[in-house]
Amino acid sequence: MADFFVRRLTRWQAEQQRGPFADMYVEAYDGAVGEEFRGRQDFLRRFEDDVQQQGFEMVVAEGAQPVGCAYGFPVRRSGSWWQGIGAGLPSDLEELTASGQVFVIAEMMVPPRYRRTGVATRLQEHLLARSEAARVIALVAPDNTAAEAAYRAWSWEDLGEIGRGSVTPAPRIWSRGLHG
C-alpha cells in the first residue's frame, strides 16, 4: 500500500464531495446484486442530514486517490439520531448523552482493497483527536465482522444489540471512553 495522509474537511468540502463519498460507500459495503442503487441513495439521504448536525467533523484518507473516510458529530439524548434505539442503553451513556458528552462515529468507510493497512485506525484517531466528548459510540451491523474486529482491536466495548426501528437485524452499539 502506498503512503497516505489524513486531512480534515470543512462541512462545505464534505457536501461538495458527496458523490465520490457515495461511490466509496458502495465500494466499501458492496451489497447484494440490485442493492447498489438503494444503498447509494440511502447513504446520500443520511449524509445530507448528518452533514447538517452541529459539531459535524469529517476526515478523509488519501494517497494517489481517496482510500477511506470517517465522519461523526456529538449526539444529544433529544436528537433524532437516537430515534428507534430500544431499551437497554446503559444509564451512564444516557446521562453523558443528555449532557452532550457523547460523540458518534456515524460512518467509517474503507474499501476492501485498503483494509488491514492502518487506514481505519488513522481515520478514527484523527477524527476523535479534537473531540471533547467523554465517550464515543458507533453502530455496527452484526454481520460486519471486519468493523467488529477493528473496534475490538481499538479497545472498544460491545454494548450489545440495540433496537433501531425497522432495521433487521438490529445493529450493535460499540463504545469507549475518551480522554483518560
N, C-alpha and C. Protein backbone atom coordinates (compact mmCIF):
# COMPACT_ATOMS: atom_id res chain seq x y z
N MET A 1 0.85 -1.18 0.00
CA MET A 1 0.00 0.00 0.00
C MET A 1 0.89 1.24 0.00
N ALA A 2 0.56 2.15 -0.85
CA ALA A 2 1.29 3.42 -0.91
C ALA A 2 0.99 4.24 0.34
N ASP A 3 1.81 5.23 0.58
CA ASP A 3 1.58 6.12 1.70
C ASP A 3 0.29 6.89 1.50
N PHE A 4 -0.29 7.30 2.59
CA PHE A 4 -1.50 8.12 2.55
C PHE A 4 -1.42 9.14 3.66
N PHE A 5 -2.21 10.19 3.53
CA PHE A 5 -2.29 11.19 4.57
C PHE A 5 -3.76 11.38 4.93
N VAL A 6 -4.00 11.87 6.12
CA VAL A 6 -5.36 12.10 6.59
C VAL A 6 -5.54 13.60 6.76
N ARG A 7 -6.64 14.10 6.24
CA ARG A 7 -6.93 15.53 6.39
C ARG A 7 -8.39 15.72 6.78
N ARG A 8 -8.63 16.80 7.47
CA ARG A 8 -9.96 17.18 7.92
C ARG A 8 -10.64 17.99 6.83
N LEU A 9 -11.94 17.78 6.64
CA LEU A 9 -12.71 18.54 5.67
C LEU A 9 -13.65 19.49 6.38
N THR A 10 -13.92 20.62 5.74
CA THR A 10 -14.96 21.50 6.25
C THR A 10 -16.30 20.92 5.84
N ARG A 11 -17.35 21.41 6.44
CA ARG A 11 -18.70 20.97 6.08
C ARG A 11 -18.95 21.22 4.58
N TRP A 12 -18.51 22.38 4.10
CA TRP A 12 -18.71 22.72 2.69
C TRP A 12 -17.96 21.74 1.79
N GLN A 13 -16.71 21.43 2.12
CA GLN A 13 -15.94 20.47 1.33
C GLN A 13 -16.61 19.10 1.32
N ALA A 14 -17.11 18.68 2.47
CA ALA A 14 -17.80 17.39 2.57
C ALA A 14 -19.03 17.37 1.66
N GLU A 15 -19.82 18.43 1.71
CA GLU A 15 -21.02 18.49 0.86
C GLU A 15 -20.66 18.48 -0.62
N GLN A 16 -19.59 19.16 -0.99
CA GLN A 16 -19.18 19.23 -2.39
C GLN A 16 -18.69 17.88 -2.91
N GLN A 17 -18.25 17.00 -2.02
CA GLN A 17 -17.72 15.70 -2.44
C GLN A 17 -18.66 14.54 -2.13
N ARG A 18 -19.93 14.83 -1.90
CA ARG A 18 -20.87 13.77 -1.51
C ARG A 18 -20.99 12.65 -2.54
N GLY A 19 -20.90 12.97 -3.82
CA GLY A 19 -20.97 11.94 -4.87
C GLY A 19 -19.84 10.93 -4.75
N PRO A 20 -18.58 11.39 -4.70
CA PRO A 20 -17.48 10.44 -4.52
C PRO A 20 -17.57 9.65 -3.20
N PHE A 21 -18.09 10.29 -2.14
CA PHE A 21 -18.25 9.56 -0.88
C PHE A 21 -19.32 8.48 -1.02
N ALA A 22 -20.37 8.77 -1.77
CA ALA A 22 -21.40 7.75 -2.02
C ALA A 22 -20.83 6.60 -2.83
N ASP A 23 -19.97 6.91 -3.79
CA ASP A 23 -19.31 5.85 -4.56
C ASP A 23 -18.43 5.00 -3.66
N MET A 24 -17.71 5.65 -2.73
CA MET A 24 -16.86 4.92 -1.80
C MET A 24 -17.72 4.04 -0.90
N TYR A 25 -18.88 4.54 -0.48
CA TYR A 25 -19.79 3.77 0.35
C TYR A 25 -20.19 2.48 -0.35
N VAL A 26 -20.57 2.60 -1.63
CA VAL A 26 -20.98 1.42 -2.41
C VAL A 26 -19.83 0.43 -2.50
N GLU A 27 -18.61 0.94 -2.74
CA GLU A 27 -17.45 0.06 -2.84
C GLU A 27 -17.13 -0.59 -1.49
N ALA A 28 -17.21 0.19 -0.42
CA ALA A 28 -16.87 -0.34 0.90
C ALA A 28 -17.87 -1.37 1.39
N TYR A 29 -19.13 -1.17 1.05
CA TYR A 29 -20.19 -2.07 1.52
C TYR A 29 -20.84 -2.77 0.34
N ASP A 30 -20.04 -3.29 -0.55
CA ASP A 30 -20.50 -3.94 -1.77
C ASP A 30 -21.62 -4.91 -1.43
N GLY A 31 -22.85 -4.44 -1.58
CA GLY A 31 -24.02 -5.22 -1.19
C GLY A 31 -24.43 -6.24 -2.23
N ALA A 32 -25.56 -6.82 -2.00
CA ALA A 32 -26.12 -7.83 -2.89
C ALA A 32 -26.48 -7.19 -4.23
N VAL A 33 -26.58 -8.01 -5.26
CA VAL A 33 -26.97 -7.53 -6.58
C VAL A 33 -28.31 -6.81 -6.47
N GLY A 34 -28.40 -5.63 -7.06
CA GLY A 34 -29.63 -4.86 -7.02
C GLY A 34 -29.72 -3.92 -5.83
N GLU A 35 -28.82 -4.05 -4.87
CA GLU A 35 -28.85 -3.21 -3.68
C GLU A 35 -27.99 -1.96 -3.84
N GLU A 36 -27.16 -1.90 -4.90
CA GLU A 36 -26.23 -0.79 -5.05
C GLU A 36 -26.94 0.55 -5.09
N PHE A 37 -27.99 0.68 -5.90
CA PHE A 37 -28.69 1.96 -6.03
C PHE A 37 -29.33 2.36 -4.71
N ARG A 38 -30.04 1.41 -4.08
CA ARG A 38 -30.69 1.72 -2.82
C ARG A 38 -29.66 2.10 -1.77
N GLY A 39 -28.56 1.37 -1.71
CA GLY A 39 -27.52 1.67 -0.74
C GLY A 39 -26.91 3.05 -0.95
N ARG A 40 -26.68 3.40 -2.21
CA ARG A 40 -26.12 4.71 -2.53
C ARG A 40 -27.11 5.81 -2.17
N GLN A 41 -28.36 5.62 -2.53
CA GLN A 41 -29.38 6.63 -2.25
C GLN A 41 -29.61 6.78 -0.75
N ASP A 42 -29.64 5.66 -0.03
CA ASP A 42 -29.79 5.71 1.43
C ASP A 42 -28.62 6.46 2.06
N PHE A 43 -27.41 6.18 1.59
CA PHE A 43 -26.25 6.89 2.11
C PHE A 43 -26.37 8.39 1.87
N LEU A 44 -26.75 8.78 0.65
CA LEU A 44 -26.86 10.20 0.33
C LEU A 44 -27.90 10.90 1.20
N ARG A 45 -29.01 10.22 1.49
CA ARG A 45 -30.04 10.80 2.37
C ARG A 45 -29.49 10.99 3.79
N ARG A 46 -28.84 9.95 4.31
CA ARG A 46 -28.26 10.04 5.65
C ARG A 46 -27.18 11.12 5.70
N PHE A 47 -26.32 11.14 4.69
CA PHE A 47 -25.22 12.10 4.66
C PHE A 47 -25.75 13.53 4.64
N GLU A 48 -26.80 13.77 3.87
CA GLU A 48 -27.40 15.10 3.79
C GLU A 48 -27.86 15.57 5.17
N ASP A 49 -28.44 14.67 5.95
CA ASP A 49 -28.85 15.01 7.31
C ASP A 49 -27.65 15.14 8.25
N ASP A 50 -26.74 14.18 8.16
CA ASP A 50 -25.60 14.15 9.07
C ASP A 50 -24.70 15.37 8.94
N VAL A 51 -24.47 15.82 7.71
CA VAL A 51 -23.56 16.94 7.50
C VAL A 51 -24.11 18.23 8.11
N GLN A 52 -25.41 18.28 8.38
CA GLN A 52 -26.03 19.45 8.99
C GLN A 52 -26.00 19.43 10.51
N GLN A 53 -25.56 18.33 11.09
CA GLN A 53 -25.51 18.21 12.55
C GLN A 53 -24.50 19.19 13.15
N GLN A 54 -24.90 19.78 14.26
CA GLN A 54 -23.98 20.68 14.96
C GLN A 54 -22.76 19.89 15.41
N GLY A 55 -21.59 20.42 15.16
CA GLY A 55 -20.35 19.75 15.56
C GLY A 55 -19.87 18.71 14.57
N PHE A 56 -20.46 18.65 13.36
CA PHE A 56 -20.07 17.69 12.33
C PHE A 56 -18.56 17.79 12.06
N GLU A 57 -17.90 16.64 12.04
CA GLU A 57 -16.47 16.54 11.74
C GLU A 57 -16.28 15.43 10.71
N MET A 58 -15.39 15.65 9.74
CA MET A 58 -15.11 14.63 8.73
C MET A 58 -13.64 14.62 8.40
N VAL A 59 -13.09 13.42 8.24
CA VAL A 59 -11.71 13.24 7.81
C VAL A 59 -11.68 12.29 6.63
N VAL A 60 -10.69 12.49 5.78
CA VAL A 60 -10.53 11.62 4.61
C VAL A 60 -9.07 11.20 4.53
N ALA A 61 -8.85 9.96 4.17
CA ALA A 61 -7.50 9.43 3.96
C ALA A 61 -7.28 9.38 2.45
N GLU A 62 -6.14 9.94 2.02
CA GLU A 62 -5.86 10.00 0.59
C GLU A 62 -4.43 9.60 0.30
N GLY A 63 -4.27 8.91 -0.79
CA GLY A 63 -2.95 8.61 -1.35
C GLY A 63 -3.01 9.17 -2.75
N ALA A 64 -2.80 8.33 -3.74
CA ALA A 64 -2.99 8.76 -5.13
C ALA A 64 -4.47 9.00 -5.39
N GLN A 65 -5.31 8.41 -4.55
CA GLN A 65 -6.76 8.57 -4.62
C GLN A 65 -7.31 8.41 -3.22
N PRO A 66 -8.58 8.75 -2.97
CA PRO A 66 -9.14 8.55 -1.63
C PRO A 66 -9.11 7.07 -1.24
N VAL A 67 -8.70 6.78 0.00
CA VAL A 67 -8.62 5.40 0.46
C VAL A 67 -9.52 5.15 1.67
N GLY A 68 -10.24 6.16 2.11
CA GLY A 68 -11.18 5.98 3.21
C GLY A 68 -11.63 7.31 3.76
N CYS A 69 -12.72 7.28 4.52
CA CYS A 69 -13.19 8.49 5.19
C CYS A 69 -14.02 8.10 6.41
N ALA A 70 -14.16 9.04 7.30
CA ALA A 70 -14.96 8.84 8.50
C ALA A 70 -15.55 10.18 8.91
N TYR A 71 -16.76 10.12 9.47
CA TYR A 71 -17.34 11.36 9.99
C TYR A 71 -18.23 11.06 11.17
N GLY A 72 -18.48 12.11 11.94
CA GLY A 72 -19.34 11.97 13.11
C GLY A 72 -19.69 13.33 13.67
N PHE A 73 -20.36 13.29 14.82
CA PHE A 73 -20.84 14.52 15.46
C PHE A 73 -21.30 14.19 16.88
N PRO A 74 -21.36 15.20 17.73
CA PRO A 74 -21.89 14.97 19.08
C PRO A 74 -23.39 14.67 19.00
N VAL A 75 -23.87 13.78 19.84
CA VAL A 75 -25.31 13.48 19.87
C VAL A 75 -25.87 13.83 21.23
N ARG A 76 -27.08 14.32 21.21
CA ARG A 76 -27.81 14.63 22.44
C ARG A 76 -28.95 13.63 22.57
N ARG A 77 -29.38 13.38 23.76
CA ARG A 77 -30.45 12.41 24.01
C ARG A 77 -31.73 12.79 23.28
N SER A 78 -32.00 14.09 23.14
CA SER A 78 -33.24 14.53 22.50
C SER A 78 -33.13 14.55 20.97
N GLY A 79 -31.96 14.26 20.43
CA GLY A 79 -31.76 14.33 19.00
C GLY A 79 -32.38 13.18 18.23
N SER A 80 -32.56 13.39 16.94
CA SER A 80 -33.18 12.39 16.08
C SER A 80 -32.29 11.17 15.87
N TRP A 81 -30.99 11.29 16.14
CA TRP A 81 -30.10 10.15 15.91
C TRP A 81 -30.53 8.95 16.74
N TRP A 82 -31.07 9.18 17.94
CA TRP A 82 -31.45 8.09 18.84
C TRP A 82 -32.79 7.48 18.48
N GLN A 83 -33.52 8.05 17.54
CA GLN A 83 -34.83 7.54 17.19
C GLN A 83 -34.74 6.06 16.81
N GLY A 84 -35.56 5.26 17.42
CA GLY A 84 -35.57 3.82 17.15
C GLY A 84 -34.65 3.02 18.04
N ILE A 85 -33.84 3.67 18.86
CA ILE A 85 -32.97 2.93 19.79
C ILE A 85 -33.87 2.40 20.90
N GLY A 86 -33.83 1.12 21.08
CA GLY A 86 -34.70 0.49 22.07
C GLY A 86 -34.15 0.60 23.47
N ALA A 87 -34.84 -0.05 24.36
CA ALA A 87 -34.41 -0.09 25.77
C ALA A 87 -33.07 -0.82 25.85
N GLY A 88 -32.40 -0.62 26.94
CA GLY A 88 -31.16 -1.32 27.14
C GLY A 88 -29.93 -0.44 27.03
N LEU A 89 -30.12 0.84 26.76
CA LEU A 89 -29.00 1.76 26.71
C LEU A 89 -28.45 1.92 28.13
N PRO A 90 -27.16 1.70 28.34
CA PRO A 90 -26.60 1.83 29.69
C PRO A 90 -26.90 3.22 30.27
N SER A 91 -27.23 3.27 31.56
CA SER A 91 -27.63 4.53 32.19
C SER A 91 -26.52 5.58 32.14
N ASP A 92 -25.25 5.18 32.29
CA ASP A 92 -24.18 6.18 32.22
C ASP A 92 -24.08 6.79 30.82
N LEU A 93 -24.36 6.00 29.80
CA LEU A 93 -24.34 6.52 28.43
C LEU A 93 -25.51 7.49 28.22
N GLU A 94 -26.66 7.17 28.79
CA GLU A 94 -27.81 8.08 28.70
C GLU A 94 -27.48 9.41 29.38
N GLU A 95 -26.86 9.36 30.55
CA GLU A 95 -26.51 10.58 31.28
C GLU A 95 -25.50 11.42 30.49
N LEU A 96 -24.48 10.78 29.94
CA LEU A 96 -23.49 11.50 29.15
C LEU A 96 -24.12 12.10 27.89
N THR A 97 -25.03 11.37 27.29
CA THR A 97 -25.70 11.86 26.09
C THR A 97 -26.55 13.08 26.43
N ALA A 98 -27.25 13.03 27.55
CA ALA A 98 -28.09 14.16 27.96
C ALA A 98 -27.26 15.42 28.16
N SER A 99 -26.01 15.26 28.56
CA SER A 99 -25.15 16.43 28.80
C SER A 99 -24.26 16.75 27.59
N GLY A 100 -24.50 16.10 26.45
CA GLY A 100 -23.73 16.41 25.25
C GLY A 100 -22.31 15.88 25.25
N GLN A 101 -22.05 14.82 26.01
CA GLN A 101 -20.70 14.28 26.15
C GLN A 101 -20.47 12.99 25.36
N VAL A 102 -21.29 12.76 24.32
CA VAL A 102 -21.14 11.55 23.50
C VAL A 102 -20.97 11.97 22.04
N PHE A 103 -19.93 11.43 21.42
CA PHE A 103 -19.65 11.67 20.00
C PHE A 103 -19.91 10.36 19.27
N VAL A 104 -20.64 10.42 18.17
CA VAL A 104 -20.92 9.23 17.39
C VAL A 104 -20.08 9.24 16.12
N ILE A 105 -19.44 8.12 15.84
CA ILE A 105 -18.84 7.93 14.52
C ILE A 105 -19.99 7.41 13.67
N ALA A 106 -20.56 8.30 12.87
CA ALA A 106 -21.73 7.96 12.08
C ALA A 106 -21.38 7.09 10.89
N GLU A 107 -20.18 7.25 10.37
CA GLU A 107 -19.76 6.46 9.21
C GLU A 107 -18.25 6.37 9.16
N MET A 108 -17.77 5.17 8.87
CA MET A 108 -16.36 4.96 8.60
C MET A 108 -16.29 4.01 7.41
N MET A 109 -15.68 4.46 6.34
CA MET A 109 -15.63 3.67 5.12
C MET A 109 -14.20 3.46 4.66
N VAL A 110 -13.84 2.21 4.45
CA VAL A 110 -12.56 1.86 3.87
C VAL A 110 -12.84 0.75 2.86
N PRO A 111 -12.64 1.01 1.57
CA PRO A 111 -12.86 -0.04 0.58
C PRO A 111 -12.01 -1.27 0.89
N PRO A 112 -12.50 -2.45 0.54
CA PRO A 112 -11.81 -3.70 0.89
C PRO A 112 -10.32 -3.74 0.52
N ARG A 113 -9.94 -3.19 -0.61
CA ARG A 113 -8.52 -3.28 -1.02
C ARG A 113 -7.58 -2.48 -0.12
N TYR A 114 -8.12 -1.58 0.72
CA TYR A 114 -7.29 -0.78 1.62
C TYR A 114 -7.41 -1.21 3.08
N ARG A 115 -8.17 -2.24 3.33
CA ARG A 115 -8.33 -2.70 4.72
C ARG A 115 -7.07 -3.40 5.18
N ARG A 116 -6.88 -3.40 6.50
CA ARG A 116 -5.71 -4.02 7.14
C ARG A 116 -4.40 -3.32 6.75
N THR A 117 -4.51 -2.02 6.48
CA THR A 117 -3.33 -1.23 6.12
C THR A 117 -3.14 -0.05 7.08
N GLY A 118 -3.99 0.04 8.10
CA GLY A 118 -3.89 1.13 9.06
C GLY A 118 -4.75 2.34 8.73
N VAL A 119 -5.47 2.29 7.62
CA VAL A 119 -6.29 3.43 7.21
C VAL A 119 -7.37 3.71 8.26
N ALA A 120 -8.15 2.71 8.62
CA ALA A 120 -9.26 2.93 9.58
C ALA A 120 -8.73 3.40 10.93
N THR A 121 -7.63 2.85 11.38
CA THR A 121 -7.05 3.27 12.66
C THR A 121 -6.70 4.76 12.62
N ARG A 122 -6.03 5.17 11.57
CA ARG A 122 -5.65 6.60 11.45
C ARG A 122 -6.89 7.48 11.31
N LEU A 123 -7.91 7.00 10.59
CA LEU A 123 -9.13 7.80 10.43
C LEU A 123 -9.79 8.05 11.79
N GLN A 124 -9.97 6.99 12.57
CA GLN A 124 -10.66 7.19 13.85
C GLN A 124 -9.82 8.01 14.81
N GLU A 125 -8.51 7.84 14.82
CA GLU A 125 -7.66 8.65 15.69
C GLU A 125 -7.74 10.13 15.32
N HIS A 126 -7.67 10.42 14.03
CA HIS A 126 -7.70 11.81 13.56
C HIS A 126 -9.09 12.43 13.80
N LEU A 127 -10.13 11.66 13.55
CA LEU A 127 -11.49 12.17 13.75
C LEU A 127 -11.73 12.53 15.21
N LEU A 128 -11.24 11.72 16.12
CA LEU A 128 -11.51 11.91 17.55
C LEU A 128 -10.50 12.83 18.25
N ALA A 129 -9.45 13.21 17.58
CA ALA A 129 -8.37 13.99 18.22
C ALA A 129 -8.85 15.30 18.83
N ARG A 130 -9.83 15.96 18.22
CA ARG A 130 -10.29 17.25 18.73
C ARG A 130 -11.57 17.15 19.56
N SER A 131 -12.10 15.96 19.70
CA SER A 131 -13.36 15.80 20.42
C SER A 131 -13.17 16.04 21.91
N GLU A 132 -14.13 16.73 22.50
CA GLU A 132 -14.12 16.96 23.94
C GLU A 132 -15.11 16.05 24.65
N ALA A 133 -15.69 15.11 23.92
CA ALA A 133 -16.67 14.18 24.49
C ALA A 133 -16.01 13.23 25.48
N ALA A 134 -16.80 12.70 26.38
CA ALA A 134 -16.32 11.72 27.35
C ALA A 134 -16.35 10.30 26.77
N ARG A 135 -17.31 10.05 25.85
CA ARG A 135 -17.45 8.73 25.23
C ARG A 135 -17.67 8.88 23.75
N VAL A 136 -17.28 7.85 23.03
CA VAL A 136 -17.53 7.77 21.60
C VAL A 136 -18.29 6.47 21.35
N ILE A 137 -19.24 6.53 20.41
CA ILE A 137 -20.04 5.34 20.09
C ILE A 137 -20.10 5.15 18.58
N ALA A 138 -20.43 3.94 18.18
CA ALA A 138 -20.66 3.62 16.78
C ALA A 138 -21.65 2.47 16.72
N LEU A 139 -22.53 2.51 15.74
CA LEU A 139 -23.43 1.39 15.49
C LEU A 139 -22.81 0.54 14.41
N VAL A 140 -22.81 -0.79 14.62
CA VAL A 140 -22.18 -1.71 13.68
C VAL A 140 -23.18 -2.82 13.36
N ALA A 141 -23.36 -3.05 12.07
CA ALA A 141 -24.22 -4.15 11.64
C ALA A 141 -23.64 -5.45 12.17
N PRO A 142 -24.48 -6.36 12.68
CA PRO A 142 -23.96 -7.58 13.30
C PRO A 142 -23.20 -8.49 12.33
N ASP A 143 -23.38 -8.31 11.04
CA ASP A 143 -22.65 -9.14 10.08
C ASP A 143 -21.38 -8.47 9.57
N ASN A 144 -21.03 -7.30 10.13
CA ASN A 144 -19.83 -6.58 9.71
C ASN A 144 -18.67 -7.00 10.61
N THR A 145 -18.16 -8.19 10.36
CA THR A 145 -17.11 -8.74 11.20
C THR A 145 -15.81 -7.94 11.11
N ALA A 146 -15.55 -7.33 9.96
CA ALA A 146 -14.33 -6.52 9.82
C ALA A 146 -14.38 -5.31 10.76
N ALA A 147 -15.53 -4.64 10.81
CA ALA A 147 -15.67 -3.48 11.70
C ALA A 147 -15.59 -3.92 13.16
N GLU A 148 -16.25 -5.02 13.50
CA GLU A 148 -16.19 -5.50 14.88
C GLU A 148 -14.76 -5.81 15.30
N ALA A 149 -14.00 -6.44 14.40
CA ALA A 149 -12.61 -6.76 14.72
C ALA A 149 -11.79 -5.49 14.92
N ALA A 150 -12.04 -4.47 14.10
CA ALA A 150 -11.31 -3.20 14.24
C ALA A 150 -11.64 -2.54 15.58
N TYR A 151 -12.93 -2.44 15.91
CA TYR A 151 -13.31 -1.80 17.17
C TYR A 151 -12.75 -2.57 18.36
N ARG A 152 -12.77 -3.87 18.29
CA ARG A 152 -12.20 -4.69 19.36
C ARG A 152 -10.70 -4.40 19.51
N ALA A 153 -9.99 -4.32 18.39
CA ALA A 153 -8.55 -4.03 18.42
C ALA A 153 -8.25 -2.64 18.99
N TRP A 154 -9.20 -1.72 18.84
CA TRP A 154 -9.03 -0.36 19.35
C TRP A 154 -9.51 -0.23 20.80
N SER A 155 -9.80 -1.36 21.44
CA SER A 155 -10.25 -1.42 22.84
C SER A 155 -11.63 -0.81 23.06
N TRP A 156 -12.49 -0.93 22.08
CA TRP A 156 -13.88 -0.52 22.23
C TRP A 156 -14.63 -1.66 22.90
N GLU A 157 -15.75 -1.34 23.51
CA GLU A 157 -16.59 -2.33 24.20
C GLU A 157 -17.88 -2.53 23.42
N ASP A 158 -18.25 -3.78 23.23
CA ASP A 158 -19.52 -4.13 22.58
C ASP A 158 -20.61 -4.06 23.64
N LEU A 159 -21.51 -3.09 23.51
CA LEU A 159 -22.59 -2.92 24.49
C LEU A 159 -23.82 -3.76 24.15
N GLY A 160 -23.76 -4.47 23.06
CA GLY A 160 -24.86 -5.36 22.71
C GLY A 160 -25.76 -4.79 21.62
N GLU A 161 -26.78 -5.57 21.36
CA GLU A 161 -27.75 -5.23 20.32
C GLU A 161 -28.70 -4.15 20.82
N ILE A 162 -28.87 -3.14 20.01
CA ILE A 162 -29.77 -2.05 20.35
C ILE A 162 -30.79 -1.94 19.24
N GLY A 163 -32.06 -1.97 19.58
CA GLY A 163 -33.11 -1.83 18.58
C GLY A 163 -32.95 -0.54 17.81
N ARG A 164 -33.20 -0.56 16.53
CA ARG A 164 -33.07 0.64 15.70
C ARG A 164 -34.22 0.63 14.69
N GLY A 165 -35.42 0.89 15.17
CA GLY A 165 -36.58 0.95 14.28
C GLY A 165 -36.81 -0.37 13.58
N SER A 166 -36.92 -0.29 12.26
CA SER A 166 -37.22 -1.48 11.47
C SER A 166 -35.97 -2.15 10.92
N VAL A 167 -34.79 -1.71 11.34
CA VAL A 167 -33.56 -2.30 10.84
C VAL A 167 -33.42 -3.71 11.41
N THR A 168 -33.32 -4.69 10.51
CA THR A 168 -33.19 -6.07 10.92
C THR A 168 -32.02 -6.68 10.18
N PRO A 169 -31.12 -7.35 10.79
CA PRO A 169 -31.01 -7.48 12.24
C PRO A 169 -30.53 -6.16 12.86
N ALA A 170 -30.87 -6.01 14.11
CA ALA A 170 -30.54 -4.78 14.82
C ALA A 170 -29.03 -4.61 14.92
N PRO A 171 -28.54 -3.38 14.78
CA PRO A 171 -27.10 -3.14 14.93
C PRO A 171 -26.65 -3.29 16.38
N ARG A 172 -25.35 -3.43 16.53
CA ARG A 172 -24.75 -3.48 17.86
C ARG A 172 -24.11 -2.13 18.11
N ILE A 173 -24.12 -1.72 19.37
CA ILE A 173 -23.52 -0.44 19.72
C ILE A 173 -22.16 -0.72 20.38
N TRP A 174 -21.14 -0.04 19.87
CA TRP A 174 -19.78 -0.14 20.39
C TRP A 174 -19.42 1.19 21.00
N SER A 175 -18.62 1.17 22.06
CA SER A 175 -18.31 2.40 22.77
C SER A 175 -16.95 2.31 23.44
N ARG A 176 -16.37 3.47 23.68
CA ARG A 176 -15.17 3.56 24.51
C ARG A 176 -15.07 4.97 25.05
N GLY A 177 -14.38 5.08 26.17
CA GLY A 177 -14.17 6.38 26.78
C GLY A 177 -13.08 7.14 26.03
N LEU A 178 -13.16 8.45 26.11
CA LEU A 178 -12.12 9.32 25.56
C LEU A 178 -11.48 10.09 26.69
N HIS A 179 -10.27 10.51 26.50
CA HIS A 179 -9.57 11.40 27.43
C HIS A 179 -9.44 10.82 28.84
N GLY A 180 -8.79 9.70 28.92
CA GLY A 180 -8.48 9.17 30.24
C GLY A 180 -9.39 8.17 30.68
